[in-house]
Amino acid sequence: MQIALLGGTGDIGQGLALRWARDTNHDVLIGSREAEKAAAKADEYESELAERGHDVDIAGLENAAAAAEADVAVLSVPAYYLSDTIDAVTDELDETVLVSPAVGMQRDEAGVHYNPPGVGSVTALAAKAAPDDVPVVGAFHNLAAGKLADLDADLDWDVPIVSDDADAKETVTALAEGIEGIRALDAGALANASEVESMTPLLINLAANNEDLHDLGVKFW
């Protein structure tokens, strides 16, 4: 399977790219608004994995070119770039599953707070911006990007997944569980995305205020 990380030069994109390239046989594509930046990051990720004994090929392309090759495209961009990123690749989303891990947040002196768009969640915003025939899945919202990108760190996290498309949800569930230490959980319909997204600022605030709780994720029993 071809996985494109659109905006894959950033924090969540880096972690997912490294983990998928190391833990699975899927092809990983790094997307960016600038092809040169994507290619440079792809080389950087390849080098890090090579140093750890993993011989992998990671391609770096402009976002639209990466989306054109992808079976699954992950919108690994901040929430405020999400609609523009989808608009830029819309014509290339042919039988592609679109994944949104972004969360709307704002910070003040008290901490970080959930700040969803008017449609209720960033995942819903992705579905509104995407073509009608492109299935949208919400996943990977609650991952600590620093720990995800640290290949020396062992993961033990659950990833709630929401979507109105059962086949797309199944595809992303399999991708998530291809990463060592991640369990995917069905959180229901896309309308439930706000409940999933709103956990992220809570995790950030807990990590900021408790010395022994850095790099938090979620785990359900």
N, C-alpha and C. Protein backbone atom coordinates (compact mmCIF):
# COMPACT_ATOMS: atom_id res chain seq x y z
N MET A 1 0.84 -1.19 0.00
CA MET A 1 0.00 0.00 0.00
C MET A 1 0.87 1.25 0.00
N GLN A 2 0.42 2.27 -0.68
CA GLN A 2 1.13 3.55 -0.73
C GLN A 2 0.49 4.52 0.27
N ILE A 3 1.29 4.99 1.21
CA ILE A 3 0.82 5.94 2.22
C ILE A 3 1.51 7.28 1.99
N ALA A 4 0.72 8.31 1.78
CA ALA A 4 1.28 9.66 1.63
C ALA A 4 1.05 10.46 2.90
N LEU A 5 2.11 11.03 3.43
CA LEU A 5 2.01 11.94 4.57
C LEU A 5 2.05 13.35 4.02
N LEU A 6 0.88 13.96 3.83
CA LEU A 6 0.82 15.31 3.29
C LEU A 6 1.17 16.29 4.41
N GLY A 7 2.23 17.05 4.19
CA GLY A 7 2.79 17.81 5.30
C GLY A 7 3.65 16.91 6.18
N GLY A 8 4.25 15.91 5.55
CA GLY A 8 5.00 14.91 6.29
C GLY A 8 6.36 15.35 6.78
N THR A 9 6.67 16.64 6.63
CA THR A 9 7.93 17.17 7.15
C THR A 9 7.77 17.66 8.58
N GLY A 10 6.53 17.66 9.10
CA GLY A 10 6.28 18.14 10.45
C GLY A 10 6.33 17.02 11.47
N ASP A 11 5.90 17.34 12.70
CA ASP A 11 6.13 16.43 13.82
C ASP A 11 5.33 15.13 13.72
N ILE A 12 4.01 15.19 13.56
CA ILE A 12 3.24 13.96 13.51
C ILE A 12 3.56 13.17 12.24
N GLY A 13 3.81 13.88 11.14
CA GLY A 13 4.18 13.21 9.90
C GLY A 13 5.49 12.46 10.03
N GLN A 14 6.45 13.05 10.72
CA GLN A 14 7.74 12.39 10.91
C GLN A 14 7.58 11.08 11.66
N GLY A 15 6.85 11.12 12.77
CA GLY A 15 6.69 9.92 13.56
C GLY A 15 5.98 8.81 12.82
N LEU A 16 4.89 9.14 12.14
CA LEU A 16 4.16 8.13 11.39
C LEU A 16 5.01 7.57 10.25
N ALA A 17 5.72 8.46 9.55
CA ALA A 17 6.57 8.00 8.45
C ALA A 17 7.64 7.04 8.93
N LEU A 18 8.33 7.40 9.99
CA LEU A 18 9.40 6.54 10.50
C LEU A 18 8.86 5.19 10.98
N ARG A 19 7.74 5.23 11.69
CA ARG A 19 7.19 3.98 12.23
C ARG A 19 6.67 3.08 11.11
N TRP A 20 5.93 3.64 10.14
CA TRP A 20 5.43 2.81 9.05
C TRP A 20 6.56 2.25 8.19
N ALA A 21 7.58 3.09 7.96
CA ALA A 21 8.70 2.62 7.14
C ALA A 21 9.47 1.52 7.85
N ARG A 22 9.57 1.60 9.17
CA ARG A 22 10.30 0.59 9.94
C ARG A 22 9.47 -0.67 10.19
N ASP A 23 8.21 -0.50 10.54
CA ASP A 23 7.41 -1.61 11.06
C ASP A 23 6.57 -2.34 10.02
N THR A 24 6.43 -1.78 8.82
CA THR A 24 5.56 -2.38 7.80
C THR A 24 6.29 -2.46 6.46
N ASN A 25 5.63 -3.09 5.51
CA ASN A 25 6.15 -3.16 4.14
C ASN A 25 5.47 -2.15 3.21
N HIS A 26 4.72 -1.22 3.77
CA HIS A 26 4.04 -0.22 2.95
C HIS A 26 5.04 0.79 2.40
N ASP A 27 4.73 1.35 1.25
CA ASP A 27 5.53 2.41 0.67
C ASP A 27 5.14 3.75 1.30
N VAL A 28 6.12 4.50 1.76
CA VAL A 28 5.88 5.77 2.44
C VAL A 28 6.32 6.92 1.54
N LEU A 29 5.41 7.87 1.35
CA LEU A 29 5.68 9.06 0.55
C LEU A 29 5.56 10.28 1.44
N ILE A 30 6.54 11.16 1.38
CA ILE A 30 6.52 12.40 2.15
C ILE A 30 6.06 13.52 1.23
N GLY A 31 5.01 14.21 1.61
CA GLY A 31 4.51 15.34 0.83
C GLY A 31 4.79 16.65 1.52
N SER A 32 4.94 17.70 0.71
CA SER A 32 5.12 19.05 1.22
C SER A 32 4.67 20.01 0.14
N ARG A 33 4.46 21.26 0.50
CA ARG A 33 4.15 22.26 -0.52
C ARG A 33 5.33 22.46 -1.46
N GLU A 34 6.53 22.15 -0.98
CA GLU A 34 7.73 22.28 -1.80
C GLU A 34 8.38 20.91 -1.97
N ALA A 35 8.52 20.48 -3.23
CA ALA A 35 9.06 19.15 -3.50
C ALA A 35 10.47 18.99 -2.93
N GLU A 36 11.28 20.06 -2.99
CA GLU A 36 12.65 19.98 -2.50
C GLU A 36 12.69 19.72 -0.99
N LYS A 37 11.80 20.37 -0.28
CA LYS A 37 11.74 20.18 1.17
C LYS A 37 11.31 18.75 1.48
N ALA A 38 10.33 18.24 0.74
CA ALA A 38 9.87 16.86 0.95
C ALA A 38 10.99 15.87 0.67
N ALA A 39 11.74 16.08 -0.41
CA ALA A 39 12.83 15.17 -0.77
C ALA A 39 13.92 15.19 0.30
N ALA A 40 14.22 16.37 0.82
CA ALA A 40 15.25 16.47 1.85
C ALA A 40 14.84 15.73 3.12
N LYS A 41 13.57 15.87 3.51
CA LYS A 41 13.08 15.17 4.70
C LYS A 41 13.05 13.67 4.48
N ALA A 42 12.64 13.25 3.28
CA ALA A 42 12.63 11.81 2.98
C ALA A 42 14.03 11.23 3.11
N ASP A 43 15.03 11.96 2.61
CA ASP A 43 16.42 11.51 2.75
C ASP A 43 16.83 11.43 4.22
N GLU A 44 16.38 12.41 5.00
CA GLU A 44 16.70 12.43 6.43
C GLU A 44 16.10 11.22 7.14
N TYR A 45 14.85 10.90 6.81
CA TYR A 45 14.20 9.75 7.43
C TYR A 45 14.89 8.45 7.00
N GLU A 46 15.23 8.34 5.73
CA GLU A 46 15.94 7.16 5.25
C GLU A 46 17.25 6.97 5.99
N SER A 47 17.98 8.07 6.18
CA SER A 47 19.28 7.99 6.85
C SER A 47 19.14 7.54 8.29
N GLU A 48 18.13 8.07 8.99
CA GLU A 48 17.93 7.66 10.38
C GLU A 48 17.63 6.17 10.47
N LEU A 49 16.79 5.69 9.57
CA LEU A 49 16.45 4.27 9.59
C LEU A 49 17.64 3.41 9.17
N ALA A 50 18.43 3.89 8.22
CA ALA A 50 19.62 3.14 7.79
C ALA A 50 20.60 2.99 8.94
N GLU A 51 20.75 4.02 9.76
CA GLU A 51 21.64 3.95 10.91
C GLU A 51 21.19 2.89 11.91
N ARG A 52 19.89 2.55 11.85
CA ARG A 52 19.34 1.54 12.74
C ARG A 52 19.22 0.18 12.06
N GLY A 53 19.79 0.06 10.85
CA GLY A 53 19.81 -1.21 10.17
C GLY A 53 18.61 -1.51 9.30
N HIS A 54 17.83 -0.48 8.96
CA HIS A 54 16.64 -0.67 8.14
C HIS A 54 16.87 -0.03 6.78
N ASP A 55 16.89 -0.85 5.74
CA ASP A 55 17.11 -0.38 4.37
C ASP A 55 15.76 -0.13 3.72
N VAL A 56 15.33 1.12 3.69
CA VAL A 56 14.01 1.47 3.16
C VAL A 56 14.15 2.60 2.15
N ASP A 57 13.17 2.68 1.26
CA ASP A 57 13.09 3.78 0.30
C ASP A 57 11.89 4.65 0.65
N ILE A 58 12.14 5.92 0.90
CA ILE A 58 11.09 6.88 1.19
C ILE A 58 11.17 7.99 0.15
N ALA A 59 10.08 8.24 -0.55
CA ALA A 59 10.07 9.26 -1.59
C ALA A 59 9.57 10.58 -1.03
N GLY A 60 10.08 11.68 -1.56
CA GLY A 60 9.63 13.01 -1.19
C GLY A 60 9.10 13.74 -2.40
N LEU A 61 7.86 14.21 -2.33
CA LEU A 61 7.18 14.83 -3.46
C LEU A 61 6.37 16.03 -3.01
N GLU A 62 6.00 16.86 -3.97
CA GLU A 62 5.03 17.91 -3.70
C GLU A 62 3.71 17.25 -3.31
N ASN A 63 2.90 17.91 -2.48
CA ASN A 63 1.72 17.28 -1.91
C ASN A 63 0.81 16.64 -2.95
N ALA A 64 0.51 17.35 -4.03
CA ALA A 64 -0.41 16.82 -5.03
C ALA A 64 0.17 15.57 -5.69
N ALA A 65 1.46 15.57 -5.96
CA ALA A 65 2.10 14.42 -6.57
C ALA A 65 2.08 13.23 -5.63
N ALA A 66 2.28 13.48 -4.34
CA ALA A 66 2.22 12.40 -3.35
C ALA A 66 0.81 11.84 -3.25
N ALA A 67 -0.18 12.72 -3.24
CA ALA A 67 -1.57 12.27 -3.15
C ALA A 67 -1.96 11.44 -4.36
N ALA A 68 -1.45 11.79 -5.53
CA ALA A 68 -1.78 11.07 -6.76
C ALA A 68 -1.31 9.62 -6.71
N GLU A 69 -0.27 9.33 -5.94
CA GLU A 69 0.28 7.98 -5.84
C GLU A 69 -0.32 7.18 -4.70
N ALA A 70 -1.10 7.84 -3.84
CA ALA A 70 -1.44 7.25 -2.55
C ALA A 70 -2.74 6.45 -2.57
N ASP A 71 -2.72 5.35 -1.82
CA ASP A 71 -3.96 4.65 -1.46
C ASP A 71 -4.58 5.29 -0.22
N VAL A 72 -3.71 5.76 0.68
CA VAL A 72 -4.14 6.46 1.88
C VAL A 72 -3.31 7.73 2.00
N ALA A 73 -3.97 8.86 2.22
CA ALA A 73 -3.28 10.13 2.39
C ALA A 73 -3.60 10.68 3.78
N VAL A 74 -2.57 10.92 4.56
CA VAL A 74 -2.72 11.44 5.93
C VAL A 74 -2.46 12.92 5.92
N LEU A 75 -3.43 13.69 6.40
CA LEU A 75 -3.31 15.15 6.44
C LEU A 75 -2.53 15.55 7.69
N SER A 76 -1.23 15.37 7.64
CA SER A 76 -0.39 15.63 8.81
C SER A 76 0.05 17.09 8.84
N VAL A 77 -0.96 17.96 8.85
CA VAL A 77 -0.76 19.42 8.89
C VAL A 77 -1.58 19.97 10.05
N PRO A 78 -1.22 21.16 10.55
CA PRO A 78 -2.04 21.79 11.58
C PRO A 78 -3.46 22.05 11.07
N ALA A 79 -4.40 22.15 11.99
CA ALA A 79 -5.81 22.29 11.62
C ALA A 79 -6.06 23.48 10.70
N TYR A 80 -5.33 24.57 10.90
CA TYR A 80 -5.59 25.77 10.12
C TYR A 80 -5.07 25.68 8.69
N TYR A 81 -4.30 24.64 8.36
CA TYR A 81 -3.86 24.42 6.98
C TYR A 81 -4.65 23.30 6.29
N LEU A 82 -5.55 22.66 7.03
CA LEU A 82 -6.18 21.45 6.53
C LEU A 82 -7.01 21.68 5.27
N SER A 83 -7.90 22.65 5.28
CA SER A 83 -8.76 22.88 4.12
C SER A 83 -7.95 23.26 2.89
N ASP A 84 -6.95 24.12 3.06
CA ASP A 84 -6.11 24.52 1.93
C ASP A 84 -5.34 23.33 1.37
N THR A 85 -4.89 22.44 2.26
CA THR A 85 -4.16 21.26 1.79
C THR A 85 -5.07 20.35 0.98
N ILE A 86 -6.28 20.14 1.46
CA ILE A 86 -7.23 19.31 0.70
C ILE A 86 -7.55 19.95 -0.64
N ASP A 87 -7.78 21.25 -0.66
CA ASP A 87 -8.07 21.95 -1.92
C ASP A 87 -6.94 21.75 -2.93
N ALA A 88 -5.71 21.74 -2.44
CA ALA A 88 -4.55 21.64 -3.33
C ALA A 88 -4.39 20.26 -3.95
N VAL A 89 -4.98 19.24 -3.33
CA VAL A 89 -4.80 17.87 -3.82
C VAL A 89 -6.10 17.22 -4.29
N THR A 90 -7.19 17.95 -4.26
CA THR A 90 -8.51 17.38 -4.55
C THR A 90 -8.54 16.59 -5.85
N ASP A 91 -7.95 17.13 -6.88
CA ASP A 91 -8.01 16.47 -8.20
C ASP A 91 -7.22 15.17 -8.24
N GLU A 92 -6.39 14.92 -7.23
CA GLU A 92 -5.54 13.73 -7.21
C GLU A 92 -6.08 12.64 -6.29
N LEU A 93 -7.21 12.88 -5.65
CA LEU A 93 -7.74 11.93 -4.67
C LEU A 93 -8.66 10.93 -5.37
N ASP A 94 -8.07 10.02 -6.10
CA ASP A 94 -8.81 9.01 -6.85
C ASP A 94 -8.75 7.68 -6.09
N GLU A 95 -9.90 7.26 -5.52
CA GLU A 95 -9.97 6.04 -4.72
C GLU A 95 -8.97 6.09 -3.56
N THR A 96 -8.83 7.26 -2.98
CA THR A 96 -7.91 7.48 -1.87
C THR A 96 -8.68 7.62 -0.57
N VAL A 97 -8.18 7.01 0.48
CA VAL A 97 -8.73 7.22 1.82
C VAL A 97 -7.99 8.40 2.44
N LEU A 98 -8.75 9.37 2.94
CA LEU A 98 -8.16 10.57 3.53
C LEU A 98 -8.25 10.47 5.04
N VAL A 99 -7.12 10.67 5.71
CA VAL A 99 -7.06 10.53 7.17
C VAL A 99 -6.73 11.88 7.80
N SER A 100 -7.51 12.25 8.81
CA SER A 100 -7.28 13.52 9.51
C SER A 100 -6.91 13.27 10.97
N PRO A 101 -5.66 13.61 11.36
CA PRO A 101 -5.27 13.54 12.77
C PRO A 101 -5.25 14.90 13.47
N ALA A 102 -5.62 15.96 12.77
CA ALA A 102 -5.46 17.32 13.31
C ALA A 102 -6.51 17.62 14.37
N VAL A 103 -6.15 18.51 15.29
CA VAL A 103 -7.03 18.94 16.37
C VAL A 103 -6.98 20.47 16.45
N GLY A 104 -8.14 21.09 16.58
CA GLY A 104 -8.21 22.53 16.77
C GLY A 104 -7.98 22.88 18.24
N MET A 105 -6.95 23.69 18.51
CA MET A 105 -6.63 24.06 19.88
C MET A 105 -6.24 25.53 19.94
N GLN A 106 -6.42 26.10 21.11
CA GLN A 106 -5.89 27.43 21.38
C GLN A 106 -5.28 27.44 22.77
N ARG A 107 -4.32 28.31 22.95
CA ARG A 107 -3.58 28.37 24.21
C ARG A 107 -3.79 29.72 24.88
N ASP A 108 -3.95 29.72 26.18
CA ASP A 108 -3.94 30.95 26.96
C ASP A 108 -3.12 30.70 28.22
N GLU A 109 -3.17 31.62 29.16
CA GLU A 109 -2.32 31.49 30.35
C GLU A 109 -2.70 30.29 31.21
N ALA A 110 -3.90 29.78 31.05
CA ALA A 110 -4.33 28.63 31.85
C ALA A 110 -3.89 27.31 31.25
N GLY A 111 -3.65 27.30 29.95
CA GLY A 111 -3.26 26.05 29.30
C GLY A 111 -3.76 25.97 27.88
N VAL A 112 -3.97 24.75 27.41
CA VAL A 112 -4.41 24.49 26.05
C VAL A 112 -5.87 24.03 26.09
N HIS A 113 -6.66 24.56 25.15
CA HIS A 113 -8.09 24.28 25.16
C HIS A 113 -8.55 23.81 23.78
N TYR A 114 -9.55 22.94 23.77
CA TYR A 114 -10.12 22.46 22.52
C TYR A 114 -10.84 23.60 21.83
N ASN A 115 -10.58 23.76 20.54
CA ASN A 115 -11.15 24.87 19.78
C ASN A 115 -11.62 24.33 18.41
N PRO A 116 -12.76 23.64 18.40
CA PRO A 116 -13.21 23.04 17.15
C PRO A 116 -13.75 24.08 16.18
N PRO A 117 -13.73 23.77 14.90
CA PRO A 117 -14.34 24.67 13.92
C PRO A 117 -15.86 24.61 14.03
N GLY A 118 -16.53 25.46 13.26
CA GLY A 118 -17.97 25.56 13.35
C GLY A 118 -18.72 24.29 13.01
N VAL A 119 -18.11 23.42 12.21
CA VAL A 119 -18.78 22.17 11.83
C VAL A 119 -18.69 21.10 12.93
N GLY A 120 -17.99 21.39 14.02
CA GLY A 120 -17.99 20.50 15.17
C GLY A 120 -16.69 19.80 15.46
N SER A 121 -15.89 19.52 14.44
CA SER A 121 -14.59 18.88 14.64
C SER A 121 -13.74 19.13 13.41
N VAL A 122 -12.43 18.97 13.56
CA VAL A 122 -11.54 19.11 12.41
C VAL A 122 -11.76 17.96 11.43
N THR A 123 -12.08 16.78 11.94
CA THR A 123 -12.36 15.65 11.06
C THR A 123 -13.58 15.94 10.19
N ALA A 124 -14.61 16.54 10.78
CA ALA A 124 -15.80 16.93 10.01
C ALA A 124 -15.45 18.00 8.98
N LEU A 125 -14.54 18.89 9.34
CA LEU A 125 -14.09 19.91 8.40
C LEU A 125 -13.39 19.26 7.21
N ALA A 126 -12.59 18.23 7.47
CA ALA A 126 -11.93 17.51 6.38
C ALA A 126 -12.97 16.86 5.47
N ALA A 127 -14.00 16.26 6.06
CA ALA A 127 -15.04 15.62 5.26
C ALA A 127 -15.79 16.65 4.42
N LYS A 128 -16.00 17.82 4.96
CA LYS A 128 -16.69 18.87 4.22
C LYS A 128 -15.85 19.37 3.06
N ALA A 129 -14.54 19.44 3.25
CA ALA A 129 -13.65 19.97 2.21
C ALA A 129 -13.32 18.93 1.15
N ALA A 130 -13.40 17.65 1.50
CA ALA A 130 -13.02 16.58 0.57
C ALA A 130 -14.12 16.35 -0.46
N PRO A 131 -13.78 15.82 -1.62
CA PRO A 131 -14.79 15.43 -2.60
C PRO A 131 -15.76 14.41 -2.00
N ASP A 132 -17.00 14.41 -2.49
CA ASP A 132 -18.03 13.56 -1.90
C ASP A 132 -17.69 12.07 -1.96
N ASP A 133 -16.92 11.66 -2.96
CA ASP A 133 -16.62 10.24 -3.11
C ASP A 133 -15.34 9.81 -2.41
N VAL A 134 -14.74 10.71 -1.64
CA VAL A 134 -13.51 10.39 -0.91
C VAL A 134 -13.84 10.11 0.55
N PRO A 135 -13.62 8.88 1.03
CA PRO A 135 -13.92 8.58 2.43
C PRO A 135 -12.91 9.24 3.36
N VAL A 136 -13.41 9.77 4.46
CA VAL A 136 -12.57 10.46 5.45
C VAL A 136 -12.61 9.68 6.76
N VAL A 137 -11.44 9.50 7.33
CA VAL A 137 -11.29 8.79 8.60
C VAL A 137 -10.56 9.70 9.58
N GLY A 138 -11.05 9.77 10.80
CA GLY A 138 -10.34 10.49 11.86
C GLY A 138 -9.53 9.51 12.68
N ALA A 139 -8.23 9.76 12.80
CA ALA A 139 -7.35 8.83 13.54
C ALA A 139 -6.06 9.54 13.92
N PHE A 140 -5.36 8.99 14.90
CA PHE A 140 -4.04 9.45 15.34
C PHE A 140 -4.08 10.83 15.99
N HIS A 141 -5.24 11.23 16.54
CA HIS A 141 -5.36 12.56 17.15
C HIS A 141 -4.58 12.71 18.44
N ASN A 142 -4.46 11.63 19.20
CA ASN A 142 -4.01 11.73 20.58
C ASN A 142 -2.59 11.25 20.81
N LEU A 143 -1.79 11.18 19.74
CA LEU A 143 -0.43 10.68 19.86
C LEU A 143 0.54 11.81 20.24
N ALA A 144 1.45 11.51 21.12
CA ALA A 144 2.52 12.46 21.46
C ALA A 144 3.57 12.39 20.36
N ALA A 145 3.68 13.46 19.57
CA ALA A 145 4.50 13.43 18.37
C ALA A 145 5.98 13.16 18.68
N GLY A 146 6.49 13.73 19.77
CA GLY A 146 7.90 13.54 20.10
C GLY A 146 8.23 12.09 20.38
N LYS A 147 7.39 11.42 21.15
CA LYS A 147 7.63 10.01 21.46
C LYS A 147 7.42 9.15 20.23
N LEU A 148 6.43 9.50 19.42
CA LEU A 148 6.16 8.74 18.20
C LEU A 148 7.38 8.74 17.29
N ALA A 149 8.07 9.87 17.20
CA ALA A 149 9.23 10.00 16.31
C ALA A 149 10.51 9.45 16.93
N ASP A 150 10.48 9.11 18.20
CA ASP A 150 11.65 8.56 18.89
C ASP A 150 11.63 7.05 18.76
N LEU A 151 12.41 6.51 17.86
CA LEU A 151 12.37 5.07 17.60
C LEU A 151 12.98 4.24 18.72
N ASP A 152 13.59 4.89 19.70
CA ASP A 152 14.05 4.18 20.88
C ASP A 152 12.93 3.98 21.90
N ALA A 153 11.82 4.70 21.68
CA ALA A 153 10.71 4.64 22.63
C ALA A 153 9.73 3.53 22.25
N ASP A 154 9.36 2.71 23.23
CA ASP A 154 8.33 1.70 23.03
C ASP A 154 6.96 2.33 23.24
N LEU A 155 6.05 2.04 22.35
CA LEU A 155 4.70 2.59 22.43
C LEU A 155 3.76 1.59 23.09
N ASP A 156 2.75 2.11 23.76
CA ASP A 156 1.67 1.29 24.31
C ASP A 156 0.42 2.17 24.32
N TRP A 157 -0.08 2.48 23.14
CA TRP A 157 -1.15 3.45 22.98
C TRP A 157 -2.34 2.84 22.24
N ASP A 158 -3.51 3.39 22.53
CA ASP A 158 -4.70 3.11 21.75
C ASP A 158 -4.98 4.28 20.82
N VAL A 159 -5.49 3.97 19.64
CA VAL A 159 -5.84 4.98 18.65
C VAL A 159 -7.33 4.85 18.33
N PRO A 160 -8.18 5.74 18.86
CA PRO A 160 -9.59 5.72 18.47
C PRO A 160 -9.74 6.15 17.01
N ILE A 161 -10.61 5.45 16.29
CA ILE A 161 -10.81 5.71 14.87
C ILE A 161 -12.28 5.95 14.60
N VAL A 162 -12.58 7.02 13.87
CA VAL A 162 -13.97 7.35 13.52
C VAL A 162 -14.10 7.49 12.02
N SER A 163 -15.22 7.05 11.49
CA SER A 163 -15.52 7.23 10.08
C SER A 163 -16.94 6.76 9.80
N ASP A 164 -17.52 7.27 8.73
CA ASP A 164 -18.82 6.78 8.26
C ASP A 164 -18.66 5.73 7.18
N ASP A 165 -17.43 5.41 6.81
CA ASP A 165 -17.16 4.44 5.76
C ASP A 165 -16.49 3.22 6.39
N ALA A 166 -17.19 2.09 6.40
CA ALA A 166 -16.68 0.91 7.10
C ALA A 166 -15.40 0.38 6.47
N ASP A 167 -15.32 0.39 5.14
CA ASP A 167 -14.12 -0.14 4.48
C ASP A 167 -12.91 0.74 4.75
N ALA A 168 -13.12 2.06 4.70
CA ALA A 168 -12.02 2.98 4.98
C ALA A 168 -11.55 2.85 6.42
N LYS A 169 -12.49 2.69 7.33
CA LYS A 169 -12.14 2.50 8.74
C LYS A 169 -11.31 1.24 8.93
N GLU A 170 -11.70 0.18 8.23
CA GLU A 170 -10.96 -1.08 8.32
C GLU A 170 -9.54 -0.92 7.79
N THR A 171 -9.40 -0.17 6.69
CA THR A 171 -8.07 0.06 6.11
C THR A 171 -7.17 0.80 7.09
N VAL A 172 -7.69 1.86 7.70
CA VAL A 172 -6.88 2.67 8.61
C VAL A 172 -6.61 1.91 9.90
N THR A 173 -7.55 1.08 10.34
CA THR A 173 -7.32 0.24 11.51
C THR A 173 -6.12 -0.67 11.28
N ALA A 174 -6.07 -1.29 10.11
CA ALA A 174 -4.94 -2.17 9.80
C ALA A 174 -3.63 -1.39 9.74
N LEU A 175 -3.66 -0.19 9.17
CA LEU A 175 -2.45 0.64 9.12
C LEU A 175 -1.98 1.01 10.52
N ALA A 176 -2.92 1.41 11.36
CA ALA A 176 -2.56 1.80 12.73
C ALA A 176 -1.92 0.64 13.47
N GLU A 177 -2.52 -0.53 13.34
CA GLU A 177 -2.01 -1.68 14.09
C GLU A 177 -0.75 -2.27 13.46
N GLY A 178 -0.38 -1.79 12.28
CA GLY A 178 0.91 -2.16 11.72
C GLY A 178 2.07 -1.52 12.47
N ILE A 179 1.79 -0.46 13.20
CA ILE A 179 2.82 0.19 14.02
C ILE A 179 2.93 -0.54 15.35
N GLU A 180 4.12 -0.99 15.67
CA GLU A 180 4.34 -1.76 16.90
C GLU A 180 3.94 -0.94 18.13
N GLY A 181 3.08 -1.52 18.96
CA GLY A 181 2.68 -0.86 20.19
C GLY A 181 1.41 -0.04 20.09
N ILE A 182 0.74 -0.08 18.95
CA ILE A 182 -0.51 0.66 18.78
C ILE A 182 -1.66 -0.31 18.58
N ARG A 183 -2.75 -0.07 19.30
CA ARG A 183 -4.00 -0.80 19.12
C ARG A 183 -5.05 0.18 18.62
N ALA A 184 -5.73 -0.15 17.54
CA ALA A 184 -6.79 0.69 17.00
C ALA A 184 -8.13 0.28 17.63
N LEU A 185 -8.93 1.29 17.98
CA LEU A 185 -10.25 1.05 18.56
C LEU A 185 -11.31 1.77 17.74
N ASP A 186 -12.40 1.10 17.47
CA ASP A 186 -13.51 1.69 16.71
C ASP A 186 -14.28 2.63 17.62
N ALA A 187 -14.22 3.92 17.33
CA ALA A 187 -14.94 4.92 18.13
C ALA A 187 -16.25 5.36 17.47
N GLY A 188 -16.66 4.64 16.42
CA GLY A 188 -17.95 4.92 15.83
C GLY A 188 -17.91 5.84 14.65
N ALA A 189 -19.00 6.56 14.48
CA ALA A 189 -19.20 7.40 13.30
C ALA A 189 -18.34 8.66 13.36
N LEU A 190 -18.22 9.30 12.22
CA LEU A 190 -17.44 10.54 12.14
C LEU A 190 -17.99 11.62 13.07
N ALA A 191 -19.28 11.56 13.35
CA ALA A 191 -19.89 12.54 14.27
C ALA A 191 -19.29 12.46 15.67
N ASN A 192 -18.59 11.39 15.98
CA ASN A 192 -17.97 11.25 17.30
C ASN A 192 -16.56 11.83 17.35
N ALA A 193 -16.11 12.45 16.28
CA ALA A 193 -14.73 12.93 16.22
C ALA A 193 -14.43 13.98 17.29
N SER A 194 -15.40 14.81 17.62
CA SER A 194 -15.12 15.87 18.60
C SER A 194 -14.75 15.30 19.95
N GLU A 195 -15.37 14.19 20.34
CA GLU A 195 -15.04 13.56 21.62
C GLU A 195 -13.61 13.03 21.62
N VAL A 196 -13.19 12.50 20.48
CA VAL A 196 -11.82 11.99 20.37
C VAL A 196 -10.82 13.14 20.35
N GLU A 197 -11.09 14.14 19.52
CA GLU A 197 -10.17 15.27 19.38
C GLU A 197 -9.99 16.02 20.70
N SER A 198 -11.07 16.14 21.46
CA SER A 198 -11.01 16.96 22.68
C SER A 198 -10.12 16.36 23.76
N MET A 199 -9.74 15.08 23.62
CA MET A 199 -8.81 14.49 24.60
C MET A 199 -7.40 15.05 24.45
N THR A 200 -7.05 15.54 23.26
CA THR A 200 -5.67 15.97 23.01
C THR A 200 -5.24 17.13 23.90
N PRO A 201 -6.01 18.22 23.99
CA PRO A 201 -5.57 19.29 24.90
C PRO A 201 -5.50 18.84 26.36
N LEU A 202 -6.37 17.91 26.76
CA LEU A 202 -6.27 17.38 28.12
C LEU A 202 -4.93 16.70 28.33
N LEU A 203 -4.50 15.87 27.37
CA LEU A 203 -3.21 15.19 27.49
C LEU A 203 -2.06 16.19 27.55
N ILE A 204 -2.13 17.23 26.73
CA ILE A 204 -1.09 18.25 26.73
C ILE A 204 -1.02 18.96 28.08
N ASN A 205 -2.17 19.29 28.65
CA ASN A 205 -2.19 19.97 29.95
C ASN A 205 -1.68 19.07 31.06
N LEU A 206 -2.03 17.79 31.02
CA LEU A 206 -1.51 16.85 32.01
C LEU A 206 0.00 16.73 31.91
N ALA A 207 0.51 16.64 30.69
CA ALA A 207 1.96 16.53 30.50
C ALA A 207 2.68 17.78 30.98
N ALA A 208 2.07 18.93 30.76
CA ALA A 208 2.71 20.20 31.13
C ALA A 208 2.75 20.40 32.64
N ASN A 209 1.81 19.80 33.35
CA ASN A 209 1.67 20.09 34.78
C ASN A 209 2.11 18.96 35.70
N ASN A 210 2.58 17.87 35.12
CA ASN A 210 3.01 16.72 35.93
C ASN A 210 4.34 16.21 35.39
N GLU A 211 5.37 16.26 36.22
CA GLU A 211 6.72 15.95 35.77
C GLU A 211 6.86 14.53 35.25
N ASP A 212 6.07 13.61 35.75
CA ASP A 212 6.22 12.20 35.39
C ASP A 212 5.24 11.76 34.29
N LEU A 213 4.61 12.73 33.63
CA LEU A 213 3.59 12.38 32.64
C LEU A 213 3.89 12.99 31.26
N HIS A 214 5.15 13.04 30.89
CA HIS A 214 5.49 13.54 29.57
C HIS A 214 5.13 12.52 28.49
N ASP A 215 4.91 13.01 27.28
CA ASP A 215 4.64 12.14 26.12
C ASP A 215 3.48 11.20 26.36
N LEU A 216 2.39 11.74 26.84
CA LEU A 216 1.22 10.94 27.12
C LEU A 216 0.50 10.50 25.85
N GLY A 217 -0.08 9.31 25.91
CA GLY A 217 -1.06 8.86 24.94
C GLY A 217 -2.25 8.35 25.72
N VAL A 218 -3.14 7.61 25.07
CA VAL A 218 -4.28 7.05 25.77
C VAL A 218 -4.24 5.54 25.70
N LYS A 219 -4.78 4.90 26.75
CA LYS A 219 -4.88 3.44 26.82
C LYS A 219 -6.17 3.12 27.57
N PHE A 220 -6.98 2.26 27.01
CA PHE A 220 -8.27 1.93 27.61
C PHE A 220 -8.28 0.48 28.06
N TRP A 221 -8.87 0.25 29.24
CA TRP A 221 -9.03 -1.09 29.76
C TRP A 221 -10.50 -1.35 30.01
